[in-house]
PDB file of N, CA and C in Angstrom:
ATOM      1  N   MET A   1     -31.205  -1.875 -25.941  1.00  0.00           N
ATOM      2  CA  MET A   1     -31.934  -3.084 -25.593  1.00  0.00           C
ATOM      3  C   MET A   1     -31.352  -4.255 -26.392  1.00  0.00           C
ATOM      4  N   PRO A   2     -30.945  -5.346 -25.716  1.00  0.00           N
ATOM      5  CA  PRO A   2     -30.381  -6.487 -26.439  1.00  0.00           C
ATOM      6  C   PRO A   2     -31.414  -7.141 -27.344  1.00  0.00           C
ATOM      7  N   LYS A   3     -30.947  -7.607 -28.499  1.00  0.00           N
ATOM      8  CA  LYS A   3     -31.878  -8.291 -29.395  1.00  0.00           C
ATOM      9  C   LYS A   3     -32.094  -9.717 -28.902  1.00  0.00           C
ATOM     10  N   LYS A   4     -33.235 -10.284 -29.256  1.00  0.00           N
ATOM     11  CA  LYS A   4     -33.565 -11.641 -28.823  1.00  0.00           C
ATOM     12  C   LYS A   4     -32.715 -12.658 -29.551  1.00  0.00           C
ATOM     13  N   ARG A   5     -32.329 -13.680 -28.817  1.00  0.00           N
ATOM     14  CA  ARG A   5     -31.567 -14.773 -29.410  1.00  0.00           C
ATOM     15  C   ARG A   5     -32.550 -15.770 -30.020  1.00  0.00           C
ATOM     16  N   THR A   6     -32.233 -16.231 -31.205  1.00  0.00           N
ATOM     17  CA  THR A   6     -33.155 -17.139 -31.878  1.00  0.00           C
ATOM     18  C   THR A   6     -32.811 -18.600 -31.646  1.00  0.00           C
ATOM     19  N   LYS A   7     -31.537 -18.901 -31.413  1.00  0.00           N
ATOM     20  CA  LYS A   7     -31.204 -20.293 -31.144  1.00  0.00           C
ATOM     21  C   LYS A   7     -30.565 -20.401 -29.770  1.00  0.00           C
ATOM     22  N   LYS A   8     -30.709 -21.559 -29.163  1.00  0.00           N
ATOM     23  CA  LYS A   8     -30.211 -21.767 -27.817  1.00  0.00           C
ATOM     24  C   LYS A   8     -28.684 -21.732 -27.795  1.00  0.00           C
ATOM     25  N   SER A   9     -28.146 -20.985 -26.852  1.00  0.00           N
ATOM     26  CA  SER A   9     -26.701 -20.859 -26.711  1.00  0.00           C
ATOM     27  C   SER A   9     -26.180 -21.902 -25.736  1.00  0.00           C
ATOM     28  N   LYS A  10     -24.961 -22.375 -25.972  1.00  0.00           N
ATOM     29  CA  LYS A  10     -24.319 -23.307 -25.056  1.00  0.00           C
ATOM     30  C   LYS A  10     -23.610 -22.550 -23.942  1.00  0.00           C
ATOM     31  N   ASN A  11     -23.501 -21.246 -24.080  1.00  0.00           N
ATOM     32  CA  ASN A  11     -22.812 -20.422 -23.099  1.00  0.00           C
ATOM     33  C   ASN A  11     -23.760 -19.987 -21.993  1.00  0.00           C
ATOM     34  N   PHE A  12     -23.184 -19.592 -20.876  1.00  0.00           N
ATOM     35  CA  PHE A  12     -23.974 -19.101 -19.749  1.00  0.00           C
ATOM     36  C   PHE A  12     -24.537 -17.729 -20.098  1.00  0.00           C
ATOM     37  N   ILE A  13     -25.820 -17.546 -19.851  1.00  0.00           N
ATOM     38  CA  ILE A  13     -26.500 -16.282 -20.119  1.00  0.00           C
ATOM     39  C   ILE A  13     -27.189 -15.850 -18.832  1.00  0.00           C
ATOM     40  N   PHE A  14     -27.081 -14.561 -18.505  1.00  0.00           N
ATOM     41  CA  PHE A  14     -27.732 -14.041 -17.306  1.00  0.00           C
ATOM     42  C   PHE A  14     -28.200 -12.614 -17.571  1.00  0.00           C
ATOM     43  N   LYS A  15     -29.056 -12.126 -16.687  1.00  0.00           N
ATOM     44  CA  LYS A  15     -29.503 -10.734 -16.748  1.00  0.00           C
ATOM     45  C   LYS A  15     -29.004 -10.020 -15.500  1.00  0.00           C
ATOM     46  N   ASN A  16     -28.497  -8.806 -15.705  1.00  0.00           N
ATOM     47  CA  ASN A  16     -28.045  -8.027 -14.556  1.00  0.00           C
ATOM     48  C   ASN A  16     -29.247  -7.390 -13.860  1.00  0.00           C
ATOM     49  N   SER A  17     -28.986  -6.570 -12.853  1.00  0.00           N
ATOM     50  CA  SER A  17     -30.066  -5.975 -12.062  1.00  0.00           C
ATOM     51  C   SER A  17     -30.916  -4.977 -12.854  1.00  0.00           C
ATOM     52  N   LYS A  18     -30.440  -4.566 -14.021  1.00  0.00           N
ATOM     53  CA  LYS A  18     -31.211  -3.663 -14.885  1.00  0.00           C
ATOM     54  C   LYS A  18     -31.836  -4.413 -16.053  1.00  0.00           C
ATOM     55  N   ASN A  19     -31.869  -5.738 -15.924  1.00  0.00           N
ATOM     56  CA  ASN A  19     -32.500  -6.623 -16.902  1.00  0.00           C
ATOM     57  C   ASN A  19     -31.780  -6.650 -18.254  1.00  0.00           C
ATOM     58  N   VAL A  20     -30.489  -6.326 -18.260  1.00  0.00           N
ATOM     59  CA  VAL A  20     -29.679  -6.409 -19.478  1.00  0.00           C
ATOM     60  C   VAL A  20     -29.100  -7.814 -19.546  1.00  0.00           C
ATOM     61  N   GLU A  21     -29.304  -8.472 -20.677  1.00  0.00           N
ATOM     62  CA  GLU A  21     -28.843  -9.848 -20.852  1.00  0.00           C
ATOM     63  C   GLU A  21     -27.390  -9.883 -21.317  1.00  0.00           C
ATOM     64  N   TYR A  22     -26.587 -10.687 -20.619  1.00  0.00           N
ATOM     65  CA  TYR A  22     -25.175 -10.897 -20.959  1.00  0.00           C
ATOM     66  C   TYR A  22     -24.943 -12.361 -21.283  1.00  0.00           C
ATOM     67  N   GLU A  23     -24.001 -12.606 -22.171  1.00  0.00           N
ATOM     68  CA  GLU A  23     -23.552 -13.960 -22.488  1.00  0.00           C
ATOM     69  C   GLU A  23     -22.091 -14.066 -22.070  1.00  0.00           C
ATOM     70  N   VAL A  24     -21.736 -15.189 -21.418  1.00  0.00           N
ATOM     71  CA  VAL A  24     -20.366 -15.401 -20.961  1.00  0.00           C
ATOM     72  C   VAL A  24     -19.671 -16.371 -21.906  1.00  0.00           C
ATOM     73  N   LEU A  25     -18.533 -15.943 -22.440  1.00  0.00           N
ATOM     74  CA  LEU A  25     -17.766 -16.749 -23.386  1.00  0.00           C
ATOM     75  C   LEU A  25     -16.378 -17.023 -22.823  1.00  0.00           C
ATOM     76  N   TYR A  26     -15.953 -18.268 -22.902  1.00  0.00           N
ATOM     77  CA  TYR A  26     -14.586 -18.614 -22.524  1.00  0.00           C
ATOM     78  C   TYR A  26     -13.705 -18.500 -23.760  1.00  0.00           C
ATOM     79  N   THR A  27     -13.380 -17.275 -24.104  1.00  0.00           N
ATOM     80  CA  THR A  27     -12.487 -16.980 -25.223  1.00  0.00           C
ATOM     81  C   THR A  27     -11.528 -15.887 -24.776  1.00  0.00           C
ATOM     82  N   LYS A  28     -10.314 -15.977 -25.264  1.00  0.00           N
ATOM     83  CA  LYS A  28      -9.301 -14.985 -24.898  1.00  0.00           C
ATOM     84  C   LYS A  28      -9.678 -13.633 -25.498  1.00  0.00           C
ATOM     85  N   PRO A  29      -9.678 -12.571 -24.681  1.00  0.00           N
ATOM     86  CA  PRO A  29      -9.986 -11.244 -25.222  1.00  0.00           C
ATOM     87  C   PRO A  29      -8.987 -10.838 -26.309  1.00  0.00           C
ATOM     88  N   ASN A  30      -9.451 -10.096 -27.286  1.00  0.00           N
ATOM     89  CA  ASN A  30      -8.627  -9.658 -28.414  1.00  0.00           C
ATOM     90  C   ASN A  30      -7.484  -8.772 -27.916  1.00  0.00           C
ATOM     91  N   SER A  31      -6.250  -9.243 -28.075  1.00  0.00           N
ATOM     92  CA  SER A  31      -5.085  -8.510 -27.560  1.00  0.00           C
ATOM     93  C   SER A  31      -4.842  -7.196 -28.302  1.00  0.00           C
ATOM     94  N   HIS A  32      -5.311  -7.076 -29.538  1.00  0.00           N
ATOM     95  CA  HIS A  32      -5.156  -5.818 -30.279  1.00  0.00           C
ATOM     96  C   HIS A  32      -5.976  -4.696 -29.638  1.00  0.00           C
ATOM     97  N   HIS A  33      -7.112  -5.064 -29.047  1.00  0.00           N
ATOM     98  CA  HIS A  33      -7.994  -4.075 -28.428  1.00  0.00           C
ATOM     99  C   HIS A  33      -7.784  -3.967 -26.925  1.00  0.00           C
ATOM    100  N   TYR A  34      -7.473  -5.100 -26.266  1.00  0.00           N
ATOM    101  CA  TYR A  34      -7.459  -5.136 -24.803  1.00  0.00           C
ATOM    102  C   TYR A  34      -6.102  -5.472 -24.199  1.00  0.00           C
ATOM    103  N   GLY A  35      -5.054  -5.537 -25.002  1.00  0.00           N
ATOM    104  CA  GLY A  35      -3.730  -5.852 -24.472  1.00  0.00           C
ATOM    105  C   GLY A  35      -3.700  -7.243 -23.865  1.00  0.00           C
ATOM    106  N   ASP A  36      -3.142  -7.353 -22.674  1.00  0.00           N
ATOM    107  CA  ASP A  36      -3.034  -8.667 -22.034  1.00  0.00           C
ATOM    108  C   ASP A  36      -4.144  -8.911 -21.003  1.00  0.00           C
ATOM    109  N   ALA A  37      -5.310  -8.300 -21.193  1.00  0.00           N
ATOM    110  CA  ALA A  37      -6.433  -8.471 -20.263  1.00  0.00           C
ATOM    111  C   ALA A  37      -6.863  -9.935 -20.198  1.00  0.00           C
ATOM    112  N   ASP A  38      -7.185 -10.391 -18.984  1.00  0.00           N
ATOM    113  CA  ASP A  38      -7.660 -11.763 -18.787  1.00  0.00           C
ATOM    114  C   ASP A  38      -9.157 -11.887 -19.022  1.00  0.00           C
ATOM    115  N   GLY A  39      -9.857 -10.765 -19.020  1.00  0.00           N
ATOM    116  CA  GLY A  39     -11.290 -10.779 -19.254  1.00  0.00           C
ATOM    117  C   GLY A  39     -11.771  -9.408 -19.681  1.00  0.00           C
ATOM    118  N   THR A  40     -12.940  -9.389 -20.289  1.00  0.00           N
ATOM    119  CA  THR A  40     -13.565  -8.125 -20.685  1.00  0.00           C
ATOM    120  C   THR A  40     -15.066  -8.222 -20.456  1.00  0.00           C
ATOM    121  N   CYS A  41     -15.666  -7.068 -20.236  1.00  0.00           N
ATOM    122  CA  CYS A  41     -17.119  -6.982 -20.092  1.00  0.00           C
ATOM    123  C   CYS A  41     -17.586  -5.841 -20.978  1.00  0.00           C
ATOM    124  N   ALA A  42     -18.483  -6.145 -21.897  1.00  0.00           N
ATOM    125  CA  ALA A  42     -19.015  -5.118 -22.800  1.00  0.00           C
ATOM    126  C   ALA A  42     -19.966  -4.201 -22.035  1.00  0.00           C
ATOM    127  N   PRO A  43     -20.077  -2.960 -22.473  1.00  0.00           N
ATOM    128  CA  PRO A  43     -21.012  -2.035 -21.826  1.00  0.00           C
ATOM    129  C   PRO A  43     -22.449  -2.544 -21.944  1.00  0.00           C
ATOM    130  N   PRO A  44     -23.285  -2.226 -20.967  1.00  0.00           N
ATOM    131  CA  PRO A  44     -24.667  -2.716 -20.996  1.00  0.00           C
ATOM    132  C   PRO A  44     -25.490  -2.169 -22.158  1.00  0.00           C
ATOM    133  N   ASP A  45     -25.034  -1.097 -22.792  1.00  0.00           N
ATOM    134  CA  ASP A  45     -25.796  -0.560 -23.924  1.00  0.00           C
ATOM    135  C   ASP A  45     -25.358  -1.142 -25.269  1.00  0.00           C
ATOM    136  N   ASP A  46     -24.423  -2.099 -25.267  1.00  0.00           N
ATOM    137  CA  ASP A  46     -24.090  -2.824 -26.506  1.00  0.00           C
ATOM    138  C   ASP A  46     -25.325  -3.580 -26.990  1.00  0.00           C
ATOM    139  N   GLU A  47     -25.358  -3.872 -28.269  1.00  0.00           N
ATOM    140  CA  GLU A  47     -26.505  -4.607 -28.820  1.00  0.00           C
ATOM    141  C   GLU A  47     -26.630  -5.995 -28.186  1.00  0.00           C
ATOM    142  N   THR A  48     -25.530  -6.702 -28.055  1.00  0.00           N
ATOM    143  CA  THR A  48     -25.514  -8.023 -27.404  1.00  0.00           C
ATOM    144  C   THR A  48     -24.306  -8.082 -26.463  1.00  0.00           C
ATOM    145  N   PRO A  49     -24.452  -7.570 -25.242  1.00  0.00           N
ATOM    146  CA  PRO A  49     -23.318  -7.517 -24.316  1.00  0.00           C
ATOM    147  C   PRO A  49     -22.771  -8.904 -23.976  1.00  0.00           C
ATOM    148  N   LYS A  50     -21.452  -8.977 -23.929  1.00  0.00           N
ATOM    149  CA  LYS A  50     -20.783 -10.245 -23.647  1.00  0.00           C
ATOM    150  C   LYS A  50     -19.668 -10.032 -22.638  1.00  0.00           C
ATOM    151  N   ILE A  51     -19.382 -11.100 -21.899  1.00  0.00           N
ATOM    152  CA  ILE A  51     -18.212 -11.166 -21.037  1.00  0.00           C
ATOM    153  C   ILE A  51     -17.302 -12.210 -21.650  1.00  0.00           C
ATOM    154  N   HIS A  52     -16.036 -11.860 -21.823  1.00  0.00           N
ATOM    155  CA  HIS A  52     -15.037 -12.803 -22.330  1.00  0.00           C
ATOM    156  C   HIS A  52     -14.076 -13.132 -21.199  1.00  0.00           C
ATOM    157  N   ILE A  53     -13.841 -14.428 -20.983  1.00  0.00           N
ATOM    158  CA  ILE A  53     -12.912 -14.912 -19.963  1.00  0.00           C
ATOM    159  C   ILE A  53     -11.845 -15.744 -20.660  1.00  0.00           C
ATOM    160  N   ASN A  54     -10.588 -15.423 -20.397  1.00  0.00           N
ATOM    161  CA  ASN A  54      -9.473 -16.187 -20.955  1.00  0.00           C
ATOM    162  C   ASN A  54      -9.529 -17.618 -20.408  1.00  0.00           C
ATOM    163  N   PRO A  55      -9.640 -18.634 -21.263  1.00  0.00           N
ATOM    164  CA  PRO A  55      -9.750 -20.019 -20.786  1.00  0.00           C
ATOM    165  C   PRO A  55      -8.420 -20.618 -20.330  1.00  0.00           C
ATOM    166  N   TYR A  56      -7.334 -19.883 -20.449  1.00  0.00           N
ATOM    167  CA  TYR A  56      -6.008 -20.421 -20.122  1.00  0.00           C
ATOM    168  C   TYR A  56      -5.474 -19.918 -18.786  1.00  0.00           C
ATOM    169  N   LEU A  57      -6.336 -19.447 -17.913  1.00  0.00           N
ATOM    170  CA  LEU A  57      -5.925 -18.912 -16.617  1.00  0.00           C
ATOM    171  C   LEU A  57      -5.767 -20.020 -15.581  1.00  0.00           C
ATOM    172  N   THR A  58      -5.019 -19.718 -14.519  1.00  0.00           N
ATOM    173  CA  THR A  58      -4.994 -20.631 -13.374  1.00  0.00           C
ATOM    174  C   THR A  58      -6.385 -20.586 -12.740  1.00  0.00           C
ATOM    175  N   LYS A  59      -6.704 -21.559 -11.927  1.00  0.00           N
ATOM    176  CA  LYS A  59      -8.034 -21.606 -11.302  1.00  0.00           C
ATOM    177  C   LYS A  59      -8.278 -20.374 -10.429  1.00  0.00           C
ATOM    178  N   ARG A  60      -7.249 -19.952  -9.700  1.00  0.00           N
ATOM    179  CA  ARG A  60      -7.400 -18.777  -8.836  1.00  0.00           C
ATOM    180  C   ARG A  60      -7.601 -17.509  -9.665  1.00  0.00           C
ATOM    181  N   ASN A  61      -6.846 -17.345 -10.735  1.00  0.00           N
ATOM    182  CA  ASN A  61      -7.014 -16.173 -11.601  1.00  0.00           C
ATOM    183  C   ASN A  61      -8.343 -16.206 -12.349  1.00  0.00           C
ATOM    184  N   GLU A  62      -8.798 -17.399 -12.694  1.00  0.00           N
ATOM    185  CA  GLU A  62     -10.105 -17.521 -13.348  1.00  0.00           C
ATOM    186  C   GLU A  62     -11.210 -17.043 -12.410  1.00  0.00           C
ATOM    187  N   LEU A  63     -11.153 -17.470 -11.147  1.00  0.00           N
ATOM    188  CA  LEU A  63     -12.137 -17.035 -10.158  1.00  0.00           C
ATOM    189  C   LEU A  63     -12.130 -15.515 -10.039  1.00  0.00           C
ATOM    190  N   ASN A  64     -10.949 -14.927  -9.911  1.00  0.00           N
ATOM    191  CA  ASN A  64     -10.821 -13.483  -9.777  1.00  0.00           C
ATOM    192  C   ASN A  64     -11.367 -12.759 -11.007  1.00  0.00           C
ATOM    193  N   THR A  65     -11.052 -13.257 -12.180  1.00  0.00           N
ATOM    194  CA  THR A  65     -11.496 -12.618 -13.426  1.00  0.00           C
ATOM    195  C   THR A  65     -13.012 -12.711 -13.579  1.00  0.00           C
ATOM    196  N   ILE A  66     -13.588 -13.843 -13.228  1.00  0.00           N
ATOM    197  CA  ILE A  66     -15.048 -14.001 -13.298  1.00  0.00           C
ATOM    198  C   ILE A  66     -15.728 -12.994 -12.373  1.00  0.00           C
ATOM    199  N   ILE A  67     -15.262 -12.914 -11.131  1.00  0.00           N
ATOM    200  CA  ILE A  67     -15.848 -11.957 -10.185  1.00  0.00           C
ATOM    201  C   ILE A  67     -15.685 -10.534 -10.714  1.00  0.00           C
ATOM    202  N   HIS A  68     -14.516 -10.215 -11.219  1.00  0.00           N
ATOM    203  CA  HIS A  68     -14.224  -8.875 -11.740  1.00  0.00           C
ATOM    204  C   HIS A  68     -15.173  -8.497 -12.881  1.00  0.00           C
ATOM    205  N   GLU A  69     -15.311  -9.373 -13.858  1.00  0.00           N
ATOM    206  CA  GLU A  69     -16.137  -9.048 -15.033  1.00  0.00           C
ATOM    207  C   GLU A  69     -17.628  -9.046 -14.703  1.00  0.00           C
ATOM    208  N   PHE A  70     -18.087  -9.951 -13.842  1.00  0.00           N
ATOM    209  CA  PHE A  70     -19.492  -9.931 -13.431  1.00  0.00           C
ATOM    210  C   PHE A  70     -19.798  -8.660 -12.636  1.00  0.00           C
ATOM    211  N   THR A  71     -18.840  -8.199 -11.850  1.00  0.00           N
ATOM    212  CA  THR A  71     -19.028  -6.949 -11.109  1.00  0.00           C
ATOM    213  C   THR A  71     -19.237  -5.793 -12.076  1.00  0.00           C
ATOM    214  N   HIS A  72     -18.457  -5.749 -13.148  1.00  0.00           N
ATOM    215  CA  HIS A  72     -18.675  -4.717 -14.175  1.00  0.00           C
ATOM    216  C   HIS A  72     -20.090  -4.817 -14.745  1.00  0.00           C
ATOM    217  N   ALA A  73     -20.553  -6.025 -15.022  1.00  0.00           N
ATOM    218  CA  ALA A  73     -21.883  -6.203 -15.621  1.00  0.00           C
ATOM    219  C   ALA A  73     -22.988  -5.665 -14.711  1.00  0.00           C
ATOM    220  N   PHE A  74     -22.827  -5.837 -13.405  1.00  0.00           N
ATOM    221  CA  PHE A  74     -23.859  -5.387 -12.470  1.00  0.00           C
ATOM    222  C   PHE A  74     -23.668  -3.943 -12.005  1.00  0.00           C
ATOM    223  N   PHE A  75     -22.433  -3.475 -11.997  1.00  0.00           N
ATOM    224  CA  PHE A  75     -22.126  -2.140 -11.473  1.00  0.00           C
ATOM    225  C   PHE A  75     -21.240  -1.383 -12.462  1.00  0.00           C
ATOM    226  N   TRP A  76     -21.778  -1.150 -13.657  1.00  0.00           N
ATOM    227  CA  TRP A  76     -21.014  -0.545 -14.742  1.00  0.00           C
ATOM    228  C   TRP A  76     -20.474   0.833 -14.369  1.00  0.00           C
ATOM    229  N   ASP A  77     -21.159   1.537 -13.502  1.00  0.00           N
ATOM    230  CA  ASP A  77     -20.761   2.898 -13.138  1.00  0.00           C
ATOM    231  C   ASP A  77     -19.586   2.953 -12.163  1.00  0.00           C
ATOM    232  N   LYS A  78     -19.199   1.835 -11.577  1.00  0.00           N
ATOM    233  CA  LYS A  78     -18.072   1.807 -10.637  1.00  0.00           C
ATOM    234  C   LYS A  78     -16.754   1.926 -11.391  1.00  0.00           C
ATOM    235  N   SER A  79     -15.785   2.536 -10.740  1.00  0.00           N
ATOM    236  CA  SER A  79     -14.476   2.722 -11.376  1.00  0.00           C
ATOM    237  C   SER A  79     -13.727   1.394 -11.442  1.00  0.00           C
ATOM    238  N   GLU A  80     -12.750   1.341 -12.331  1.00  0.00           N
ATOM    239  CA  GLU A  80     -11.917   0.135 -12.454  1.00  0.00           C
ATOM    240  C   GLU A  80     -11.203  -0.145 -11.134  1.00  0.00           C
ATOM    241  N   LYS A  81     -10.791   0.893 -10.446  1.00  0.00           N
ATOM    242  CA  LYS A  81     -10.110   0.737  -9.150  1.00  0.00           C
ATOM    243  C   LYS A  81     -11.031   0.073  -8.126  1.00  0.00           C
ATOM    244  N   GLU A  82     -12.300   0.495  -8.073  1.00  0.00           N
ATOM    245  CA  GLU A  82     -13.265  -0.090  -7.135  1.00  0.00           C
ATOM    246  C   GLU A  82     -13.553  -1.551  -7.484  1.00  0.00           C
ATOM    247  N   VAL A  83     -13.749  -1.833  -8.763  1.00  0.00           N
ATOM    248  CA  VAL A  83     -14.025  -3.206  -9.208  1.00  0.00           C
ATOM    249  C   VAL A  83     -12.822  -4.096  -8.927  1.00  0.00           C
ATOM    250  N   TYR A  84     -11.634  -3.596  -9.206  1.00  0.00           N
ATOM    251  CA  TYR A  84     -10.387  -4.336  -8.970  1.00  0.00           C
ATOM    252  C   TYR A  84     -10.248  -4.707  -7.493  1.00  0.00           C
ATOM    253  N   LYS A  85     -10.458  -3.745  -6.612  1.00  0.00           N
ATOM    254  CA  LYS A  85     -10.341  -3.978  -5.166  1.00  0.00           C
ATOM    255  C   LYS A  85     -11.385  -4.982  -4.693  1.00  0.00           C
ATOM    256  N   PHE A  86     -12.628  -4.816  -5.137  1.00  0.00           N
ATOM    257  CA  PHE A  86     -13.700  -5.727  -4.739  1.00  0.00           C
ATOM    258  C   PHE A  86     -13.414  -7.149  -5.201  1.00  0.00           C
ATOM    259  N   ALA A  87     -13.073  -7.323  -6.473  1.00  0.00           N
ATOM    260  CA  ALA A  87     -12.826  -8.664  -7.025  1.00  0.00           C
ATOM    261  C   ALA A  87     -11.638  -9.330  -6.337  1.00  0.00           C
ATOM    262  N   ASN A  88     -10.576  -8.583  -6.104  1.00  0.00           N
ATOM    263  CA  ASN A  88      -9.405  -9.157  -5.435  1.00  0.00           C
ATOM    264  C   ASN A  88      -9.723  -9.587  -4.008  1.00  0.00           C
ATOM    265  N   THR A  89     -10.470  -8.765  -3.288  1.00  0.00           N
ATOM    266  CA  THR A  89     -10.825  -9.089  -1.907  1.00  0.00           C
ATOM    267  C   THR A  89     -11.733 -10.306  -1.846  1.00  0.00           C
ATOM    268  N   LEU A  90     -12.780 -10.324  -2.666  1.00  0.00           N
ATOM    269  CA  LEU A  90     -13.721 -11.440  -2.638  1.00  0.00           C
ATOM    270  C   LEU A  90     -13.081 -12.737  -3.112  1.00  0.00           C
ATOM    271  N   SER A  91     -12.316 -12.699  -4.186  1.00  0.00           N
ATOM    272  CA  SER A  91     -11.695 -13.936  -4.681  1.00  0.00           C
ATOM    273  C   SER A  91     -10.654 -14.460  -3.694  1.00  0.00           C
ATOM    274  N   LYS A  92      -9.925 -13.579  -3.031  1.00  0.00           N
ATOM    275  CA  LYS A  92      -8.951 -14.013  -2.018  1.00  0.00           C
ATOM    276  C   LYS A  92      -9.667 -14.702  -0.859  1.00  0.00           C
ATOM    277  N   PHE A  93     -10.766 -14.118  -0.390  1.00  0.00           N
ATOM    278  CA  PHE A  93     -11.541 -14.721   0.697  1.00  0.00           C
ATOM    279  C   PHE A  93     -12.090 -16.087   0.292  1.00  0.00           C
ATOM    280  N   ILE A  94     -12.721 -16.163  -0.865  1.00  0.00           N
ATOM    281  CA  ILE A  94     -13.315 -17.426  -1.322  1.00  0.00           C
ATOM    282  C   ILE A  94     -12.244 -18.493  -1.516  1.00  0.00           C
ATOM    283  N   TYR A  95     -11.126 -18.119  -2.095  1.00  0.00           N
ATOM    284  CA  TYR A  95     -10.075 -19.088  -2.412  1.00  0.00           C
ATOM    285  C   TYR A  95      -9.298 -19.520  -1.170  1.00  0.00           C
ATOM    286  N   LEU A  96      -8.886 -18.564  -0.342  1.00  0.00           N
ATOM    287  CA  LEU A  96      -8.033 -18.891   0.805  1.00  0.00           C
ATOM    288  C   LEU A  96      -8.813 -19.258   2.064  1.00  0.00           C
ATOM    289  N   GLU A  97      -9.812 -18.474   2.405  1.00  0.00           N
ATOM    290  CA  GLU A  97     -10.547 -18.710   3.653  1.00  0.00           C
ATOM    291  C   GLU A  97     -11.604 -19.799   3.517  1.00  0.00           C
ATOM    292  N   CYS A  98     -12.264 -19.851   2.380  1.00  0.00           N
ATOM    293  CA  CYS A  98     -13.306 -20.868   2.158  1.00  0.00           C
ATOM    294  C   CYS A  98     -12.746 -22.113   1.485  1.00  0.00           C
ATOM    295  N   ASN A  99     -11.493 -22.044   1.070  1.00  0.00           N
ATOM    296  CA  ASN A  99     -10.815 -23.172   0.419  1.00  0.00           C
ATOM    297  C   ASN A  99     -11.540 -23.631  -0.845  1.00  0.00           C
ATOM    298  N   TRP A 100     -12.086 -22.684  -1.599  1.00  0.00           N
ATOM    299  CA  TRP A 100     -12.807 -23.000  -2.829  1.00  0.00           C
ATOM    300  C   TRP A 100     -11.842 -23.479  -3.893  1.00  0.00           C
ATOM    301  N   ARG A 101     -12.245 -24.514  -4.607  1.00  0.00           N
ATOM    302  CA  ARG A 101     -11.484 -24.997  -5.753  1.00  0.00           C
ATOM    303  C   ARG A 101     -12.460 -25.392  -6.854  1.00  0.00           C
ATOM    304  N   LYS A 102     -12.097 -25.101  -8.084  1.00  0.00           N
ATOM    305  CA  LYS A 102     -12.929 -25.465  -9.229  1.00  0.00           C
ATOM    306  C   LYS A 102     -12.813 -26.958  -9.476  1.00  0.00           C
ATOM    307  N   LEU A 103     -13.941 -27.596  -9.660  1.00  0.00           N
ATOM    308  CA  LEU A 103     -13.958 -29.013  -9.996  1.00  0.00           C
ATOM    309  C   LEU A 103     -13.948 -29.164 -11.502  1.00  0.00           C
ATOM    310  N   GLU A 104     -13.144 -30.057 -11.986  1.00  0.00           N
ATOM    311  CA  GLU A 104     -13.141 -30.351 -13.417  1.00  0.00           C
ATOM    312  C   GLU A 104     -14.236 -31.371 -13.687  1.00  0.00           C
ATOM    313  N   ARG A 105     -15.038 -31.115 -14.676  1.00  0.00           N
ATOM    314  CA  ARG A 105     -16.148 -32.007 -15.015  1.00  0.00           C
ATOM    315  C   ARG A 105     -15.968 -32.530 -16.431  1.00  0.00           C
ATOM    316  N   SER A 106     -16.378 -33.768 -16.616  1.00  0.00           N
ATOM    317  CA  SER A 106     -16.275 -34.342 -17.955  1.00  0.00           C
ATOM    318  C   SER A 106     -17.422 -33.872 -18.840  1.00  0.00           C
ATOM    319  N   LYS A 107     -18.563 -33.548 -18.226  1.00  0.00           N
ATOM    320  CA  LYS A 107     -19.727 -33.075 -18.975  1.00  0.00           C
ATOM    321  C   LYS A 107     -20.177 -31.742 -18.386  1.00  0.00           C
ATOM    322  N   PRO A 108     -20.765 -30.880 -19.199  1.00  0.00           N
ATOM    323  CA  PRO A 108     -21.293 -29.630 -18.654  1.00  0.00           C
ATOM    324  C   PRO A 108     -22.459 -29.908 -17.706  1.00  0.00           C
ATOM    325  N   ASN A 109     -22.667 -29.005 -16.755  1.00  0.00           N
ATOM    326  CA  ASN A 109     -23.799 -29.138 -15.836  1.00  0.00           C
ATOM    327  C   ASN A 109     -25.107 -29.054 -16.609  1.00  0.00           C
ATOM    328  N   LYS A 110     -26.058 -29.863 -16.193  1.00  0.00           N
ATOM    329  CA  LYS A 110     -27.395 -29.786 -16.770  1.00  0.00           C
ATOM    330  C   LYS A 110     -28.382 -29.626 -15.627  1.00  0.00           C
ATOM    331  N   TYR A 111     -29.215 -28.611 -15.724  1.00  0.00           N
ATOM    332  CA  TYR A 111     -30.221 -28.384 -14.711  1.00  0.00           C
ATOM    333  C   TYR A 111     -31.329 -29.412 -14.888  1.00  0.00           C
ATOM    334  N   LYS A 112     -31.650 -30.108 -13.817  1.00  0.00           N
ATOM    335  CA  LYS A 112     -32.667 -31.150 -13.897  1.00  0.00           C
ATOM    336  C   LYS A 112     -33.980 -30.722 -13.258  1.00  0.00           C
ATOM    337  N   GLY A 113     -34.036 -29.522 -12.727  1.00  0.00           N
ATOM    338  CA  GLY A 113     -35.261 -29.030 -12.116  1.00  0.00           C
ATOM    339  C   GLY A 113     -35.492 -29.624 -10.747  1.00  0.00           C
ATOM    340  N   LYS A 114     -36.606 -29.238 -10.135  1.00  0.00           N
ATOM    341  CA  LYS A 114     -36.945 -29.762  -8.810  1.00  0.00           C
ATOM    342  C   LYS A 114     -37.394 -31.201  -8.919  1.00  0.00           C
ATOM    343  N   ASN A 115     -37.034 -31.976  -7.922  1.00  0.00           N
ATOM    344  CA  ASN A 115     -37.487 -33.379  -7.868  1.00  0.00           C
ATOM    345  C   ASN A 115     -38.708 -33.513  -7.017  1.00  0.00           C
TER     346      ASN A 115
END
C-alpha cells in the first residue's frame, strides 16, 4: 500500500484500476539499472510506485513511452511483448492517423474546475 504524500507534488499523480497511486516523473531512467530504457514503471507493490520518462525524447517517442509505461501501471501482469505491441500500435495510430502533436506550453496546465 503506498504511503500518503504529505506535501503537494508538482508531478502528475494518478491511481490505476487497483487504486495504486503512481507519480510520473520526467527524469531519465538510471542507466546503471535500466540500460538505455526511455522509461520505467515501478511495480505496483513498491512503497511509492513511480513512472520515469526520459525528457530528451522526440515527441513521437515520448508519446510511445508514455503509453508503454502507463500500460504497465494498469496491466502489470502483461508481458513486455504484449505491452510493446500495444504501445507501438496505439502511438502509431494516434500520431499518424489522428495527426496528434504535443503542444509546447510556457506554463503548466492548471485545472480551473467547472464554470
